[in-house]
Amino acid sequence: MRPFLWLLVLVGLVAGAAWITRPGVDAFDALLRAEIERNIARKDVGASDDPIATIALVGCKLRPSDCFDVIRSGMEVRVEDRTFYSRFQIRGFGNEAACTGAFTKIWCDKGLFDG
């Protein structure tokens, strides 16, 4: 009987930790900001044949926070706050992704900017 009691206590502690540490919209925005900054840093100015894309990239390299604000405002993010985890459905700019968050971490079924 004692091992069963310890198992119940352990399951309760894990469930409580999951409930307390499930990420919300602020954590998702931090992940999105980091992903945008990483993509901006990887791209070279002039690598695209599209002049508008090049101008947008230059603007993003100069002011990444403004670039994040523009991109975030063009995305639809639906949050499902479940008991022990969170689900994020993201749509915008021809892309779609589903992300899951638990224990302060968020992972997506594919990259946020994969087509």
C-alpha atoms as a PDB file:
ATOM      1  CA  MET A   1       0.000   0.000   0.000  1.00  0.00           C
ATOM      2  CA  ARG A   2       2.849   2.350   0.748  1.00  0.00           C
ATOM      3  CA  PRO A   3       4.346   2.357  -2.809  1.00  0.00           C
ATOM      4  CA  PHE A   4       0.896   3.159  -4.193  1.00  0.00           C
ATOM      5  CA  LEU A   5       0.594   6.129  -1.830  1.00  0.00           C
ATOM      6  CA  TRP A   6       4.024   7.414  -2.879  1.00  0.00           C
ATOM      7  CA  LEU A   7       3.033   7.022  -6.509  1.00  0.00           C
ATOM      8  CA  LEU A   8      -0.107   9.088  -5.928  1.00  0.00           C
ATOM      9  CA  VAL A   9       1.894  11.794  -4.170  1.00  0.00           C
ATOM     10  CA  LEU A  10       4.423  11.852  -7.011  1.00  0.00           C
ATOM     11  CA  VAL A  11       1.703  12.079  -9.666  1.00  0.00           C
ATOM     12  CA  GLY A  12       0.056  14.874  -7.688  1.00  0.00           C
ATOM     13  CA  LEU A  13       3.323  16.814  -7.469  1.00  0.00           C
ATOM     14  CA  VAL A  14       3.992  16.458 -11.190  1.00  0.00           C
ATOM     15  CA  ALA A  15       0.425  17.510 -12.036  1.00  0.00           C
ATOM     16  CA  GLY A  16       0.687  20.515  -9.712  1.00  0.00           C
ATOM     17  CA  ALA A  17       4.006  21.539 -11.246  1.00  0.00           C
ATOM     18  CA  ALA A  18       2.528  21.231 -14.747  1.00  0.00           C
ATOM     19  CA  TRP A  19      -0.471  23.349 -13.768  1.00  0.00           C
ATOM     20  CA  ILE A  20       1.659  26.074 -12.201  1.00  0.00           C
ATOM     21  CA  THR A  21       4.294  26.231 -14.956  1.00  0.00           C
ATOM     22  CA  ARG A  22       2.163  26.014 -18.120  1.00  0.00           C
ATOM     23  CA  PRO A  23       3.178  28.913 -20.392  1.00  0.00           C
ATOM     24  CA  GLY A  24       0.791  31.621 -21.544  1.00  0.00           C
ATOM     25  CA  VAL A  25       0.660  34.218 -24.285  1.00  0.00           C
ATOM     26  CA  ASP A  26       3.614  36.184 -22.862  1.00  0.00           C
ATOM     27  CA  ALA A  27       5.841  33.120 -23.107  1.00  0.00           C
ATOM     28  CA  PHE A  28       4.639  32.524 -26.668  1.00  0.00           C
ATOM     29  CA  ASP A  29       5.404  36.136 -27.613  1.00  0.00           C
ATOM     30  CA  ALA A  30       8.918  35.731 -26.173  1.00  0.00           C
ATOM     31  CA  LEU A  31       9.398  32.586 -28.278  1.00  0.00           C
ATOM     32  CA  LEU A  32       8.086  34.362 -31.371  1.00  0.00           C
ATOM     33  CA  ARG A  33      10.360  37.370 -30.768  1.00  0.00           C
ATOM     34  CA  ALA A  34      13.397  35.087 -30.433  1.00  0.00           C
ATOM     35  CA  GLU A  35      12.445  33.191 -33.616  1.00  0.00           C
ATOM     36  CA  ILE A  36      12.009  36.442 -35.572  1.00  0.00           C
ATOM     37  CA  GLU A  37      15.336  37.810 -34.348  1.00  0.00           C
ATOM     38  CA  ARG A  38      17.056  34.521 -35.245  1.00  0.00           C
ATOM     39  CA  ASN A  39      15.579  34.597 -38.769  1.00  0.00           C
ATOM     40  CA  ILE A  40      16.574  38.251 -39.246  1.00  0.00           C
ATOM     41  CA  ALA A  41      20.142  37.508 -38.152  1.00  0.00           C
ATOM     42  CA  ARG A  42      20.429  34.558 -40.579  1.00  0.00           C
ATOM     43  CA  LYS A  43      19.298  36.438 -43.691  1.00  0.00           C
ATOM     44  CA  ASP A  44      21.696  38.455 -45.790  1.00  0.00           C
ATOM     45  CA  VAL A  45      20.643  41.784 -47.273  1.00  0.00           C
ATOM     46  CA  GLY A  46      20.556  41.476 -51.048  1.00  0.00           C
ATOM     47  CA  ALA A  47      20.074  37.710 -51.062  1.00  0.00           C
ATOM     48  CA  SER A  48      16.548  38.144 -52.407  1.00  0.00           C
ATOM     49  CA  ASP A  49      15.634  39.314 -55.900  1.00  0.00           C
ATOM     50  CA  ASP A  50      12.545  41.044 -54.490  1.00  0.00           C
ATOM     51  CA  PRO A  51      13.365  44.710 -53.704  1.00  0.00           C
ATOM     52  CA  ILE A  52      10.457  45.035 -51.261  1.00  0.00           C
ATOM     53  CA  ALA A  53      11.679  42.014 -49.283  1.00  0.00           C
ATOM     54  CA  THR A  54      15.177  43.517 -49.211  1.00  0.00           C
ATOM     55  CA  ILE A  55      13.872  46.866 -47.926  1.00  0.00           C
ATOM     56  CA  ALA A  56      11.782  45.070 -45.283  1.00  0.00           C
ATOM     57  CA  LEU A  57      14.831  43.051 -44.199  1.00  0.00           C
ATOM     58  CA  VAL A  58      16.951  46.200 -43.876  1.00  0.00           C
ATOM     59  CA  GLY A  59      14.217  47.786 -41.752  1.00  0.00           C
ATOM     60  CA  CYS A  60      14.007  44.671 -39.603  1.00  0.00           C
ATOM     61  CA  LYS A  61      17.768  44.567 -39.107  1.00  0.00           C
ATOM     62  CA  LEU A  62      17.739  48.213 -38.024  1.00  0.00           C
ATOM     63  CA  ARG A  63      14.755  47.913 -35.629  1.00  0.00           C
ATOM     64  CA  PRO A  64      13.926  44.292 -34.767  1.00  0.00           C
ATOM     65  CA  SER A  65      11.357  45.286 -32.121  1.00  0.00           C
ATOM     66  CA  ASP A  66       9.279  47.172 -34.694  1.00  0.00           C
ATOM     67  CA  CYS A  67       9.560  44.203 -37.029  1.00  0.00           C
ATOM     68  CA  PHE A  68       8.246  41.937 -34.266  1.00  0.00           C
ATOM     69  CA  ASP A  69       5.307  44.285 -33.656  1.00  0.00           C
ATOM     70  CA  VAL A  70       4.354  44.290 -37.349  1.00  0.00           C
ATOM     71  CA  ILE A  71       4.656  40.529 -37.727  1.00  0.00           C
ATOM     72  CA  ARG A  72       2.818  39.795 -34.471  1.00  0.00           C
ATOM     73  CA  SER A  73      -0.053  42.100 -35.405  1.00  0.00           C
ATOM     74  CA  GLY A  74      -0.462  40.190 -38.681  1.00  0.00           C
ATOM     75  CA  MET A  75      -0.717  36.824 -36.950  1.00  0.00           C
ATOM     76  CA  GLU A  76      -3.803  35.236 -35.473  1.00  0.00           C
ATOM     77  CA  VAL A  77      -2.920  33.335 -32.307  1.00  0.00           C
ATOM     78  CA  ARG A  78      -5.567  31.229 -30.622  1.00  0.00           C
ATOM     79  CA  VAL A  79      -4.700  30.005 -27.133  1.00  0.00           C
ATOM     80  CA  GLU A  80      -6.310  26.973 -25.544  1.00  0.00           C
ATOM     81  CA  ASP A  81      -5.461  27.027 -21.859  1.00  0.00           C
ATOM     82  CA  ARG A  82      -5.776  23.387 -20.829  1.00  0.00           C
ATOM     83  CA  THR A  83      -5.428  22.177 -17.265  1.00  0.00           C
ATOM     84  CA  PHE A  84      -1.846  20.923 -17.440  1.00  0.00           C
ATOM     85  CA  TYR A  85      -0.613  22.464 -20.705  1.00  0.00           C
ATOM     86  CA  SER A  86      -1.386  25.166 -23.284  1.00  0.00           C
ATOM     87  CA  ARG A  87      -2.035  24.856 -27.019  1.00  0.00           C
ATOM     88  CA  PHE A  88      -1.316  27.663 -29.482  1.00  0.00           C
ATOM     89  CA  GLN A  89      -2.783  27.726 -33.000  1.00  0.00           C
ATOM     90  CA  ILE A  90      -0.962  30.261 -35.169  1.00  0.00           C
ATOM     91  CA  ARG A  91      -2.018  31.559 -38.588  1.00  0.00           C
ATOM     92  CA  GLY A  92      -0.653  34.390 -40.642  1.00  0.00           C
ATOM     93  CA  PHE A  93       1.367  35.345 -43.690  1.00  0.00           C
ATOM     94  CA  GLY A  94       0.520  32.079 -45.434  1.00  0.00           C
ATOM     95  CA  ASN A  95       1.871  29.961 -42.599  1.00  0.00           C
ATOM     96  CA  GLU A  96       0.173  27.817 -40.011  1.00  0.00           C
ATOM     97  CA  ALA A  97       1.593  26.092 -36.950  1.00  0.00           C
ATOM     98  CA  ALA A  98       0.420  24.402 -33.779  1.00  0.00           C
ATOM     99  CA  CYS A  99       2.479  24.683 -30.614  1.00  0.00           C
ATOM    100  CA  THR A 100       2.201  23.058 -27.208  1.00  0.00           C
ATOM    101  CA  GLY A 101       3.499  24.465 -23.954  1.00  0.00           C
ATOM    102  CA  ALA A 102       4.139  22.699 -20.668  1.00  0.00           C
ATOM    103  CA  PHE A 103       6.613  23.050 -17.807  1.00  0.00           C
ATOM    104  CA  THR A 104       7.630  26.569 -19.019  1.00  0.00           C
ATOM    105  CA  LYS A 105       8.652  25.231 -22.474  1.00  0.00           C
ATOM    106  CA  ILE A 106       6.924  25.656 -25.822  1.00  0.00           C
ATOM    107  CA  TRP A 107       7.516  23.426 -28.830  1.00  0.00           C
ATOM    108  CA  CYS A 108       5.865  23.515 -32.240  1.00  0.00           C
ATOM    109  CA  ASP A 109       4.926  20.770 -34.695  1.00  0.00           C
ATOM    110  CA  LYS A 110       7.019  22.612 -37.267  1.00  0.00           C
ATOM    111  CA  GLY A 111       8.982  25.835 -37.333  1.00  0.00           C
ATOM    112  CA  LEU A 112       6.930  28.999 -36.949  1.00  0.00           C
ATOM    113  CA  PHE A 113       8.114  30.286 -40.308  1.00  0.00           C
ATOM    114  CA  ASP A 114       8.132  27.037 -42.300  1.00  0.00           C
ATOM    115  CA  GLY A 115       5.772  27.140 -45.225  1.00  0.00           C
END
